ModelCIF file with pLDDT and N, C-alpha, C, O atoms, coordinates in Angstrom:
data_MODEL
#
_entry.id   MODEL 
#
_entity.id                         1 
_entity.type                       polymer 
_entity.pdbx_number_of_molecules   1 
#
_entity_poly.entity_id                      1 
_entity_poly.type                           'polypeptide(L)' 
_entity_poly.nstd_linkage                   no 
_entity_poly.nstd_monomer                   no 
_entity_poly.pdbx_seq_one_letter_code       IIQVVRCFEDPNVIHVSGKVDPLSDIETIEIELMLADMQTLDGALP 
_entity_poly.pdbx_seq_one_letter_code_can   IIQVVRCFEDPNVIHVSGKVDPLSDIETIEIELMLADMQTLDGALP 
_entity_poly.pdbx_strand_id                 A 
#
loop_
_entity_poly_seq.entity_id 
_entity_poly_seq.num 
_entity_poly_seq.mon_id 
_entity_poly_seq.hetero 
1 1  ILE n 
1 2  ILE n 
1 3  GLN n 
1 4  VAL n 
1 5  VAL n 
1 6  ARG n 
1 7  CYS n 
1 8  PHE n 
1 9  GLU n 
1 10 ASP n 
1 11 PRO n 
1 12 ASN n 
1 13 VAL n 
1 14 ILE n 
1 15 HIS n 
1 16 VAL n 
1 17 SER n 
1 18 GLY n 
1 19 LYS n 
1 20 VAL n 
1 21 ASP n 
1 22 PRO n 
1 23 LEU n 
1 24 SER n 
1 25 ASP n 
1 26 ILE n 
1 27 GLU n 
1 28 THR n 
1 29 ILE n 
1 30 GLU n 
1 31 ILE n 
1 32 GLU n 
1 33 LEU n 
1 34 MET n 
1 35 LEU n 
1 36 ALA n 
1 37 ASP n 
1 38 MET n 
1 39 GLN n 
1 40 THR n 
1 41 LEU n 
1 42 ASP n 
1 43 GLY n 
1 44 ALA n 
1 45 LEU n 
1 46 PRO n 
#
_struct_asym.id          A 
_struct_asym.entity_id   1 
#
loop_
_ma_qa_metric.id 
_ma_qa_metric.mode 
_ma_qa_metric.name 
_ma_qa_metric.software_group_id 
_ma_qa_metric.type 
1 global pLDDT . pLDDT 
2 local  pLDDT . pLDDT 
#
_ma_qa_metric_global.metric_id      1 
_ma_qa_metric_global.metric_value   87.09 
_ma_qa_metric_global.model_id       1 
_ma_qa_metric_global.ordinal_id     1 
#
loop_
_ma_qa_metric_local.label_asym_id 
_ma_qa_metric_local.label_comp_id 
_ma_qa_metric_local.label_seq_id 
_ma_qa_metric_local.metric_id 
_ma_qa_metric_local.metric_value 
_ma_qa_metric_local.model_id 
_ma_qa_metric_local.ordinal_id 
A ILE 1  2 94.00 1 1  
A ILE 2  2 93.00 1 2  
A GLN 3  2 94.00 1 3  
A VAL 4  2 94.00 1 4  
A VAL 5  2 94.00 1 5  
A ARG 6  2 93.00 1 6  
A CYS 7  2 93.00 1 7  
A PHE 8  2 87.00 1 8  
A GLU 9  2 82.00 1 9  
A ASP 10 2 78.00 1 10 
A PRO 11 2 74.00 1 11 
A ASN 12 2 69.00 1 12 
A VAL 13 2 68.00 1 13 
A ILE 14 2 59.00 1 14 
A HIS 15 2 64.00 1 15 
A VAL 16 2 65.00 1 16 
A SER 17 2 65.00 1 17 
A GLY 18 2 68.00 1 18 
A LYS 19 2 80.00 1 19 
A VAL 20 2 86.00 1 20 
A ASP 21 2 91.00 1 21 
A PRO 22 2 93.00 1 22 
A LEU 23 2 95.00 1 23 
A SER 24 2 92.00 1 24 
A ASP 25 2 91.00 1 25 
A ILE 26 2 93.00 1 26 
A GLU 27 2 93.00 1 27 
A THR 28 2 90.00 1 28 
A ILE 29 2 90.00 1 29 
A GLU 30 2 92.00 1 30 
A ILE 31 2 91.00 1 31 
A GLU 32 2 88.00 1 32 
A LEU 33 2 91.00 1 33 
A MET 34 2 93.00 1 34 
A LEU 35 2 92.00 1 35 
A ALA 36 2 90.00 1 36 
A ASP 37 2 94.00 1 37 
A MET 38 2 95.00 1 38 
A GLN 39 2 92.00 1 39 
A THR 40 2 93.00 1 40 
A LEU 41 2 95.00 1 41 
A ASP 42 2 95.00 1 42 
A GLY 43 2 93.00 1 43 
A ALA 44 2 94.00 1 44 
A LEU 45 2 95.00 1 45 
A PRO 46 2 95.00 1 46 
#
loop_
_atom_site.group_PDB 
_atom_site.id 
_atom_site.type_symbol 
_atom_site.label_atom_id 
_atom_site.label_alt_id 
_atom_site.label_comp_id 
_atom_site.label_asym_id 
_atom_site.label_entity_id 
_atom_site.label_seq_id 
_atom_site.pdbx_PDB_ins_code 
_atom_site.Cartn_x 
_atom_site.Cartn_y 
_atom_site.Cartn_z 
_atom_site.occupancy 
_atom_site.B_iso_or_equiv 
_atom_site.pdbx_formal_charge 
_atom_site.auth_seq_id 
_atom_site.auth_comp_id 
_atom_site.auth_asym_id 
_atom_site.auth_atom_id 
_atom_site.pdbx_PDB_model_num 
ATOM 1   N N  . ILE A 1 1  ? -1.998  25.661 -62.652 1.00 94.00 ? 1  ILE A N  1 
ATOM 2   C CA . ILE A 1 1  ? -1.997  26.959 -61.402 1.00 94.00 ? 1  ILE A CA 1 
ATOM 3   C C  . ILE A 1 1  ? -1.015  28.124 -60.828 1.00 94.00 ? 1  ILE A C  1 
ATOM 4   O O  . ILE A 1 1  ? 0.208   28.122 -60.692 1.00 94.00 ? 1  ILE A O  1 
ATOM 5   N N  . ILE A 1 2  ? -1.721  28.844 -60.620 1.00 93.00 ? 2  ILE A N  1 
ATOM 6   C CA . ILE A 1 2  ? -1.495  29.365 -59.929 1.00 93.00 ? 2  ILE A CA 1 
ATOM 7   C C  . ILE A 1 2  ? -1.771  29.335 -58.554 1.00 93.00 ? 2  ILE A C  1 
ATOM 8   O O  . ILE A 1 2  ? -2.977  29.415 -58.318 1.00 93.00 ? 2  ILE A O  1 
ATOM 9   N N  . GLN A 1 3  ? -0.753  29.210 -57.173 1.00 94.00 ? 3  GLN A N  1 
ATOM 10  C CA . GLN A 1 3  ? -1.498  28.796 -56.349 1.00 94.00 ? 3  GLN A CA 1 
ATOM 11  C C  . GLN A 1 3  ? -1.504  30.163 -55.729 1.00 94.00 ? 3  GLN A C  1 
ATOM 12  O O  . GLN A 1 3  ? -0.342  30.543 -55.879 1.00 94.00 ? 3  GLN A O  1 
ATOM 13  N N  . VAL A 1 4  ? -2.253  31.224 -55.042 1.00 94.00 ? 4  VAL A N  1 
ATOM 14  C CA . VAL A 1 4  ? -1.109  32.104 -54.356 1.00 94.00 ? 4  VAL A CA 1 
ATOM 15  C C  . VAL A 1 4  ? -1.643  31.994 -52.257 1.00 94.00 ? 4  VAL A C  1 
ATOM 16  O O  . VAL A 1 4  ? -2.693  31.880 -51.625 1.00 94.00 ? 4  VAL A O  1 
ATOM 17  N N  . VAL A 1 5  ? -0.218  32.115 -51.946 1.00 94.00 ? 5  VAL A N  1 
ATOM 18  C CA . VAL A 1 5  ? -0.399  32.056 -50.784 1.00 94.00 ? 5  VAL A CA 1 
ATOM 19  C C  . VAL A 1 5  ? 0.005   33.310 -49.232 1.00 94.00 ? 5  VAL A C  1 
ATOM 20  O O  . VAL A 1 5  ? 0.236   34.477 -49.550 1.00 94.00 ? 5  VAL A O  1 
ATOM 21  N N  . ARG A 1 6  ? 0.018   33.207 -48.807 1.00 93.00 ? 6  ARG A N  1 
ATOM 22  C CA . ARG A 1 6  ? -0.591  34.310 -47.474 1.00 93.00 ? 6  ARG A CA 1 
ATOM 23  C C  . ARG A 1 6  ? 0.623   34.287 -46.892 1.00 93.00 ? 6  ARG A C  1 
ATOM 24  O O  . ARG A 1 6  ? 0.836   33.342 -46.132 1.00 93.00 ? 6  ARG A O  1 
ATOM 25  N N  . CYS A 1 7  ? 1.829   35.418 -47.121 1.00 93.00 ? 7  CYS A N  1 
ATOM 26  C CA . CYS A 1 7  ? 2.768   35.288 -46.268 1.00 93.00 ? 7  CYS A CA 1 
ATOM 27  C C  . CYS A 1 7  ? 3.271   37.045 -45.729 1.00 93.00 ? 7  CYS A C  1 
ATOM 28  O O  . CYS A 1 7  ? 4.356   37.619 -45.631 1.00 93.00 ? 7  CYS A O  1 
ATOM 29  N N  . PHE A 1 8  ? 1.747   37.459 -45.462 1.00 87.00 ? 8  PHE A N  1 
ATOM 30  C CA . PHE A 1 8  ? 1.470   38.080 -44.254 1.00 87.00 ? 8  PHE A CA 1 
ATOM 31  C C  . PHE A 1 8  ? 0.627   39.061 -42.925 1.00 87.00 ? 8  PHE A C  1 
ATOM 32  O O  . PHE A 1 8  ? -0.257  39.734 -43.455 1.00 87.00 ? 8  PHE A O  1 
ATOM 33  N N  . GLU A 1 9  ? 0.676   39.241 -41.720 1.00 82.00 ? 9  GLU A N  1 
ATOM 34  C CA . GLU A 1 9  ? 0.329   38.726 -40.835 1.00 82.00 ? 9  GLU A CA 1 
ATOM 35  C C  . GLU A 1 9  ? -0.472  39.720 -40.798 1.00 82.00 ? 9  GLU A C  1 
ATOM 36  O O  . GLU A 1 9  ? 0.212   40.743 -40.856 1.00 82.00 ? 9  GLU A O  1 
ATOM 37  N N  . ASP A 1 10 ? -1.741  40.001 -40.721 1.00 78.00 ? 10 ASP A N  1 
ATOM 38  C CA . ASP A 1 10 ? -2.556  40.973 -39.988 1.00 78.00 ? 10 ASP A CA 1 
ATOM 39  C C  . ASP A 1 10 ? -4.949  40.126 -39.407 1.00 78.00 ? 10 ASP A C  1 
ATOM 40  O O  . ASP A 1 10 ? -5.911  39.545 -39.910 1.00 78.00 ? 10 ASP A O  1 
ATOM 41  N N  . PRO A 1 11 ? -4.350  40.909 -37.794 1.00 74.00 ? 11 PRO A N  1 
ATOM 42  C CA . PRO A 1 11 ? -4.949  40.192 -37.004 1.00 74.00 ? 11 PRO A CA 1 
ATOM 43  C C  . PRO A 1 11 ? -6.488  40.537 -37.280 1.00 74.00 ? 11 PRO A C  1 
ATOM 44  O O  . PRO A 1 11 ? -7.305  39.893 -36.622 1.00 74.00 ? 11 PRO A O  1 
ATOM 45  N N  . ASN A 1 12 ? -7.311  42.183 -38.848 1.00 69.00 ? 12 ASN A N  1 
ATOM 46  C CA . ASN A 1 12 ? -8.045  41.458 -39.395 1.00 69.00 ? 12 ASN A CA 1 
ATOM 47  C C  . ASN A 1 12 ? -8.241  40.729 -40.105 1.00 69.00 ? 12 ASN A C  1 
ATOM 48  O O  . ASN A 1 12 ? -9.364  40.814 -40.602 1.00 69.00 ? 12 ASN A O  1 
ATOM 49  N N  . VAL A 1 13 ? -7.566  39.865 -40.485 1.00 68.00 ? 13 VAL A N  1 
ATOM 50  C CA . VAL A 1 13 ? -7.776  39.263 -42.006 1.00 68.00 ? 13 VAL A CA 1 
ATOM 51  C C  . VAL A 1 13 ? -7.521  37.692 -41.003 1.00 68.00 ? 13 VAL A C  1 
ATOM 52  O O  . VAL A 1 13 ? -6.557  37.329 -40.331 1.00 68.00 ? 13 VAL A O  1 
ATOM 53  N N  . ILE A 1 14 ? -8.731  37.099 -41.260 1.00 59.00 ? 14 ILE A N  1 
ATOM 54  C CA . ILE A 1 14 ? -9.097  35.932 -40.683 1.00 59.00 ? 14 ILE A CA 1 
ATOM 55  C C  . ILE A 1 14 ? -8.482  34.920 -41.604 1.00 59.00 ? 14 ILE A C  1 
ATOM 56  O O  . ILE A 1 14 ? -8.649  35.339 -42.750 1.00 59.00 ? 14 ILE A O  1 
ATOM 57  N N  . HIS A 1 15 ? -7.719  33.547 -41.615 1.00 64.00 ? 15 HIS A N  1 
ATOM 58  C CA . HIS A 1 15 ? -7.041  33.229 -41.685 1.00 64.00 ? 15 HIS A CA 1 
ATOM 59  C C  . HIS A 1 15 ? -7.281  31.113 -40.917 1.00 64.00 ? 15 HIS A C  1 
ATOM 60  O O  . HIS A 1 15 ? -7.072  30.758 -39.757 1.00 64.00 ? 15 HIS A O  1 
ATOM 61  N N  . VAL A 1 16 ? -7.769  30.172 -42.153 1.00 65.00 ? 16 VAL A N  1 
ATOM 62  C CA . VAL A 1 16 ? -8.773  29.688 -42.110 1.00 65.00 ? 16 VAL A CA 1 
ATOM 63  C C  . VAL A 1 16 ? -7.679  28.301 -41.332 1.00 65.00 ? 16 VAL A C  1 
ATOM 64  O O  . VAL A 1 16 ? -8.029  27.197 -40.917 1.00 65.00 ? 16 VAL A O  1 
ATOM 65  N N  . SER A 1 17 ? -6.748  28.731 -41.361 1.00 65.00 ? 17 SER A N  1 
ATOM 66  C CA . SER A 1 17 ? -6.032  27.683 -40.000 1.00 65.00 ? 17 SER A CA 1 
ATOM 67  C C  . SER A 1 17 ? -5.732  28.412 -38.929 1.00 65.00 ? 17 SER A C  1 
ATOM 68  O O  . SER A 1 17 ? -6.551  29.331 -38.948 1.00 65.00 ? 17 SER A O  1 
ATOM 69  N N  . GLY A 1 18 ? -5.497  28.455 -38.617 1.00 68.00 ? 18 GLY A N  1 
ATOM 70  C CA . GLY A 1 18 ? -5.676  30.107 -38.195 1.00 68.00 ? 18 GLY A CA 1 
ATOM 71  C C  . GLY A 1 18 ? -4.256  30.316 -37.422 1.00 68.00 ? 18 GLY A C  1 
ATOM 72  O O  . GLY A 1 18 ? -4.035  29.999 -36.253 1.00 68.00 ? 18 GLY A O  1 
ATOM 73  N N  . LYS A 1 19 ? -3.526  30.800 -38.150 1.00 80.00 ? 19 LYS A N  1 
ATOM 74  C CA . LYS A 1 19 ? -2.015  31.208 -38.018 1.00 80.00 ? 19 LYS A CA 1 
ATOM 75  C C  . LYS A 1 19 ? -1.945  30.831 -40.047 1.00 80.00 ? 19 LYS A C  1 
ATOM 76  O O  . LYS A 1 19 ? -2.486  30.102 -40.877 1.00 80.00 ? 19 LYS A O  1 
ATOM 77  N N  . VAL A 1 20 ? -0.592  32.223 -39.931 1.00 86.00 ? 20 VAL A N  1 
ATOM 78  C CA . VAL A 1 20 ? 0.530   32.603 -41.483 1.00 86.00 ? 20 VAL A CA 1 
ATOM 79  C C  . VAL A 1 20 ? 1.356   31.275 -41.700 1.00 86.00 ? 20 VAL A C  1 
ATOM 80  O O  . VAL A 1 20 ? 2.432   31.174 -41.112 1.00 86.00 ? 20 VAL A O  1 
ATOM 81  N N  . ASP A 1 21 ? 0.904   30.236 -42.525 1.00 91.00 ? 21 ASP A N  1 
ATOM 82  C CA . ASP A 1 21 ? 2.453   29.668 -42.446 1.00 91.00 ? 21 ASP A CA 1 
ATOM 83  C C  . ASP A 1 21 ? 1.759   28.444 -44.227 1.00 91.00 ? 21 ASP A C  1 
ATOM 84  O O  . ASP A 1 21 ? 1.090   27.479 -44.596 1.00 91.00 ? 21 ASP A O  1 
ATOM 85  N N  . PRO A 1 22 ? 2.820   29.809 -44.720 1.00 93.00 ? 22 PRO A N  1 
ATOM 86  C CA . PRO A 1 22 ? 2.752   29.042 -47.072 1.00 93.00 ? 22 PRO A CA 1 
ATOM 87  C C  . PRO A 1 22 ? 3.102   27.434 -47.549 1.00 93.00 ? 22 PRO A C  1 
ATOM 88  O O  . PRO A 1 22 ? 2.658   26.739 -48.463 1.00 93.00 ? 22 PRO A O  1 
ATOM 89  N N  . LEU A 1 23 ? 4.158   27.179 -46.434 1.00 95.00 ? 23 LEU A N  1 
ATOM 90  C CA . LEU A 1 23 ? 3.916   25.290 -47.414 1.00 95.00 ? 23 LEU A CA 1 
ATOM 91  C C  . LEU A 1 23 ? 2.708   24.816 -46.353 1.00 95.00 ? 23 LEU A C  1 
ATOM 92  O O  . LEU A 1 23 ? 1.749   24.098 -46.638 1.00 95.00 ? 23 LEU A O  1 
ATOM 93  N N  . SER A 1 24 ? 2.968   25.318 -45.258 1.00 92.00 ? 24 SER A N  1 
ATOM 94  C CA . SER A 1 24 ? 1.458   24.079 -44.457 1.00 92.00 ? 24 SER A CA 1 
ATOM 95  C C  . SER A 1 24 ? 0.543   24.327 -45.937 1.00 92.00 ? 24 SER A C  1 
ATOM 96  O O  . SER A 1 24 ? 0.787   23.473 -46.789 1.00 92.00 ? 24 SER A O  1 
ATOM 97  N N  . ASP A 1 25 ? -0.243  25.147 -46.246 1.00 91.00 ? 25 ASP A N  1 
ATOM 98  C CA . ASP A 1 25 ? -1.225  25.539 -46.854 1.00 91.00 ? 25 ASP A CA 1 
ATOM 99  C C  . ASP A 1 25 ? -0.688  25.133 -48.123 1.00 91.00 ? 25 ASP A C  1 
ATOM 100 O O  . ASP A 1 25 ? -1.612  25.015 -48.928 1.00 91.00 ? 25 ASP A O  1 
ATOM 101 N N  . ILE A 1 26 ? 0.316   24.898 -48.577 1.00 93.00 ? 26 ILE A N  1 
ATOM 102 C CA . ILE A 1 26 ? 0.856   24.424 -49.782 1.00 93.00 ? 26 ILE A CA 1 
ATOM 103 C C  . ILE A 1 26 ? 0.529   22.992 -49.253 1.00 93.00 ? 26 ILE A C  1 
ATOM 104 O O  . ILE A 1 26 ? -0.459  22.279 -49.426 1.00 93.00 ? 26 ILE A O  1 
ATOM 105 N N  . GLU A 1 27 ? 1.403   22.851 -48.723 1.00 93.00 ? 27 GLU A N  1 
ATOM 106 C CA . GLU A 1 27 ? 0.770   20.956 -48.654 1.00 93.00 ? 27 GLU A CA 1 
ATOM 107 C C  . GLU A 1 27 ? -0.765  20.990 -48.556 1.00 93.00 ? 27 GLU A C  1 
ATOM 108 O O  . GLU A 1 27 ? -1.005  19.793 -48.716 1.00 93.00 ? 27 GLU A O  1 
ATOM 109 N N  . THR A 1 28 ? -1.294  21.255 -48.486 1.00 90.00 ? 28 THR A N  1 
ATOM 110 C CA . THR A 1 28 ? -2.673  20.928 -48.122 1.00 90.00 ? 28 THR A CA 1 
ATOM 111 C C  . THR A 1 28 ? -4.041  21.386 -48.976 1.00 90.00 ? 28 THR A C  1 
ATOM 112 O O  . THR A 1 28 ? -5.212  21.102 -48.724 1.00 90.00 ? 28 THR A O  1 
ATOM 113 N N  . ILE A 1 29 ? -3.311  22.460 -50.441 1.00 90.00 ? 29 ILE A N  1 
ATOM 114 C CA . ILE A 1 29 ? -3.490  21.965 -51.590 1.00 90.00 ? 29 ILE A CA 1 
ATOM 115 C C  . ILE A 1 29 ? -3.767  20.877 -52.335 1.00 90.00 ? 29 ILE A C  1 
ATOM 116 O O  . ILE A 1 29 ? -4.639  20.305 -52.989 1.00 90.00 ? 29 ILE A O  1 
ATOM 117 N N  . GLU A 1 30 ? -1.902  20.810 -51.701 1.00 92.00 ? 30 GLU A N  1 
ATOM 118 C CA . GLU A 1 30 ? -1.712  19.905 -52.817 1.00 92.00 ? 30 GLU A CA 1 
ATOM 119 C C  . GLU A 1 30 ? -2.007  18.535 -52.718 1.00 92.00 ? 30 GLU A C  1 
ATOM 120 O O  . GLU A 1 30 ? -2.085  17.664 -53.584 1.00 92.00 ? 30 GLU A O  1 
ATOM 121 N N  . ILE A 1 31 ? -2.206  18.500 -51.111 1.00 91.00 ? 31 ILE A N  1 
ATOM 122 C CA . ILE A 1 31 ? -3.173  16.860 -50.644 1.00 91.00 ? 31 ILE A CA 1 
ATOM 123 C C  . ILE A 1 31 ? -3.998  16.901 -51.191 1.00 91.00 ? 31 ILE A C  1 
ATOM 124 O O  . ILE A 1 31 ? -4.214  15.856 -51.805 1.00 91.00 ? 31 ILE A O  1 
ATOM 125 N N  . GLU A 1 32 ? -4.703  17.672 -51.330 1.00 88.00 ? 32 GLU A N  1 
ATOM 126 C CA . GLU A 1 32 ? -5.740  17.805 -51.720 1.00 88.00 ? 32 GLU A CA 1 
ATOM 127 C C  . GLU A 1 32 ? -6.488  17.297 -53.076 1.00 88.00 ? 32 GLU A C  1 
ATOM 128 O O  . GLU A 1 32 ? -7.442  16.621 -53.460 1.00 88.00 ? 32 GLU A O  1 
ATOM 129 N N  . LEU A 1 33 ? -5.018  18.365 -53.696 1.00 91.00 ? 33 LEU A N  1 
ATOM 130 C CA . LEU A 1 33 ? -5.454  17.984 -55.652 1.00 91.00 ? 33 LEU A CA 1 
ATOM 131 C C  . LEU A 1 33 ? -4.697  15.981 -55.778 1.00 91.00 ? 33 LEU A C  1 
ATOM 132 O O  . LEU A 1 33 ? -5.569  15.213 -56.184 1.00 91.00 ? 33 LEU A O  1 
ATOM 133 N N  . MET A 1 34 ? -4.101  15.680 -55.649 1.00 93.00 ? 34 MET A N  1 
ATOM 134 C CA . MET A 1 34 ? -3.055  14.538 -55.138 1.00 93.00 ? 34 MET A CA 1 
ATOM 135 C C  . MET A 1 34 ? -4.920  14.095 -55.437 1.00 93.00 ? 34 MET A C  1 
ATOM 136 O O  . MET A 1 34 ? -5.655  13.937 -56.413 1.00 93.00 ? 34 MET A O  1 
ATOM 137 N N  . LEU A 1 35 ? -5.032  14.040 -53.931 1.00 92.00 ? 35 LEU A N  1 
ATOM 138 C CA . LEU A 1 35 ? -6.009  12.657 -53.901 1.00 92.00 ? 35 LEU A CA 1 
ATOM 139 C C  . LEU A 1 35 ? -8.174  12.717 -54.718 1.00 92.00 ? 35 LEU A C  1 
ATOM 140 O O  . LEU A 1 35 ? -9.091  11.899 -54.795 1.00 92.00 ? 35 LEU A O  1 
ATOM 141 N N  . ALA A 1 36 ? -7.975  14.164 -55.105 1.00 90.00 ? 36 ALA A N  1 
ATOM 142 C CA . ALA A 1 36 ? -9.311  14.405 -56.294 1.00 90.00 ? 36 ALA A CA 1 
ATOM 143 C C  . ALA A 1 36 ? -8.935  13.606 -57.250 1.00 90.00 ? 36 ALA A C  1 
ATOM 144 O O  . ALA A 1 36 ? -9.760  13.004 -57.936 1.00 90.00 ? 36 ALA A O  1 
ATOM 145 N N  . ASP A 1 37 ? -7.069  13.449 -57.495 1.00 94.00 ? 37 ASP A N  1 
ATOM 146 C CA . ASP A 1 37 ? -6.165  12.489 -59.572 1.00 94.00 ? 37 ASP A CA 1 
ATOM 147 C C  . ASP A 1 37 ? -6.810  11.188 -58.593 1.00 94.00 ? 37 ASP A C  1 
ATOM 148 O O  . ASP A 1 37 ? -7.762  10.447 -58.837 1.00 94.00 ? 37 ASP A O  1 
ATOM 149 N N  . MET A 1 38 ? -6.144  11.220 -57.725 1.00 95.00 ? 38 MET A N  1 
ATOM 150 C CA . MET A 1 38 ? -6.742  9.395  -57.354 1.00 95.00 ? 38 MET A CA 1 
ATOM 151 C C  . MET A 1 38 ? -8.215  8.786  -57.523 1.00 95.00 ? 38 MET A C  1 
ATOM 152 O O  . MET A 1 38 ? -8.613  7.668  -57.852 1.00 95.00 ? 38 MET A O  1 
ATOM 153 N N  . GLN A 1 39 ? -8.801  9.864  -57.199 1.00 92.00 ? 39 GLN A N  1 
ATOM 154 C CA . GLN A 1 39 ? -10.228 9.335  -57.407 1.00 92.00 ? 39 GLN A CA 1 
ATOM 155 C C  . GLN A 1 39 ? -10.631 9.692  -58.408 1.00 92.00 ? 39 GLN A C  1 
ATOM 156 O O  . GLN A 1 39 ? -11.832 9.440  -58.506 1.00 92.00 ? 39 GLN A O  1 
ATOM 157 N N  . THR A 1 40 ? -10.136 10.278 -59.424 1.00 93.00 ? 40 THR A N  1 
ATOM 158 C CA . THR A 1 40 ? -10.216 10.262 -60.862 1.00 93.00 ? 40 THR A CA 1 
ATOM 159 C C  . THR A 1 40 ? -10.078 9.067  -61.091 1.00 93.00 ? 40 THR A C  1 
ATOM 160 O O  . THR A 1 40 ? -10.921 8.265  -61.494 1.00 93.00 ? 40 THR A O  1 
ATOM 161 N N  . LEU A 1 41 ? -8.628  8.859  -60.753 1.00 95.00 ? 41 LEU A N  1 
ATOM 162 C CA . LEU A 1 41 ? -8.013  7.462  -61.984 1.00 95.00 ? 41 LEU A CA 1 
ATOM 163 C C  . LEU A 1 41 ? -8.718  6.509  -61.165 1.00 95.00 ? 41 LEU A C  1 
ATOM 164 O O  . LEU A 1 41 ? -9.076  5.606  -61.922 1.00 95.00 ? 41 LEU A O  1 
ATOM 165 N N  . ASP A 1 42 ? -9.099  6.266  -59.960 1.00 95.00 ? 42 ASP A N  1 
ATOM 166 C CA . ASP A 1 42 ? -9.470  4.729  -59.999 1.00 95.00 ? 42 ASP A CA 1 
ATOM 167 C C  . ASP A 1 42 ? -10.955 4.970  -60.437 1.00 95.00 ? 42 ASP A C  1 
ATOM 168 O O  . ASP A 1 42 ? -11.023 4.451  -61.551 1.00 95.00 ? 42 ASP A O  1 
ATOM 169 N N  . GLY A 1 43 ? -11.448 5.184  -60.309 1.00 93.00 ? 43 GLY A N  1 
ATOM 170 C CA . GLY A 1 43 ? -12.673 5.839  -61.353 1.00 93.00 ? 43 GLY A CA 1 
ATOM 171 C C  . GLY A 1 43 ? -12.318 4.668  -62.498 1.00 93.00 ? 43 GLY A C  1 
ATOM 172 O O  . GLY A 1 43 ? -12.472 3.460  -62.680 1.00 93.00 ? 43 GLY A O  1 
ATOM 173 N N  . ALA A 1 44 ? -11.533 6.261  -63.375 1.00 94.00 ? 44 ALA A N  1 
ATOM 174 C CA . ALA A 1 44 ? -10.898 5.177  -65.147 1.00 94.00 ? 44 ALA A CA 1 
ATOM 175 C C  . ALA A 1 44 ? -11.064 4.349  -65.007 1.00 94.00 ? 44 ALA A C  1 
ATOM 176 O O  . ALA A 1 44 ? -12.061 3.756  -65.419 1.00 94.00 ? 44 ALA A O  1 
ATOM 177 N N  . LEU A 1 45 ? -9.952  3.768  -64.192 1.00 95.00 ? 45 LEU A N  1 
ATOM 178 C CA . LEU A 1 45 ? -8.936  2.438  -65.099 1.00 95.00 ? 45 LEU A CA 1 
ATOM 179 C C  . LEU A 1 45 ? -10.217 1.487  -64.750 1.00 95.00 ? 45 LEU A C  1 
ATOM 180 O O  . LEU A 1 45 ? -10.673 1.197  -65.857 1.00 95.00 ? 45 LEU A O  1 
ATOM 181 N N  . PRO A 1 46 ? -11.011 0.866  -63.759 1.00 95.00 ? 46 PRO A N  1 
ATOM 182 C CA . PRO A 1 46 ? -12.226 0.042  -64.032 1.00 95.00 ? 46 PRO A CA 1 
ATOM 183 C C  . PRO A 1 46 ? -13.034 -0.516 -65.920 1.00 95.00 ? 46 PRO A C  1 
ATOM 184 O O  . PRO A 1 46 ? -14.053 -1.205 -65.976 1.00 95.00 ? 46 PRO A O  1 
#
């Protein structure tokens, strides 16, 4: 995985969360991927 995180300010480019915060971006992606992995494992275990 190559994760692109925004580290620039530009009022003309909308940020989905309303602010530039790369660590928050990283956390958002990581949480979603972990939740998805947990769903996969929960379904595979039975």
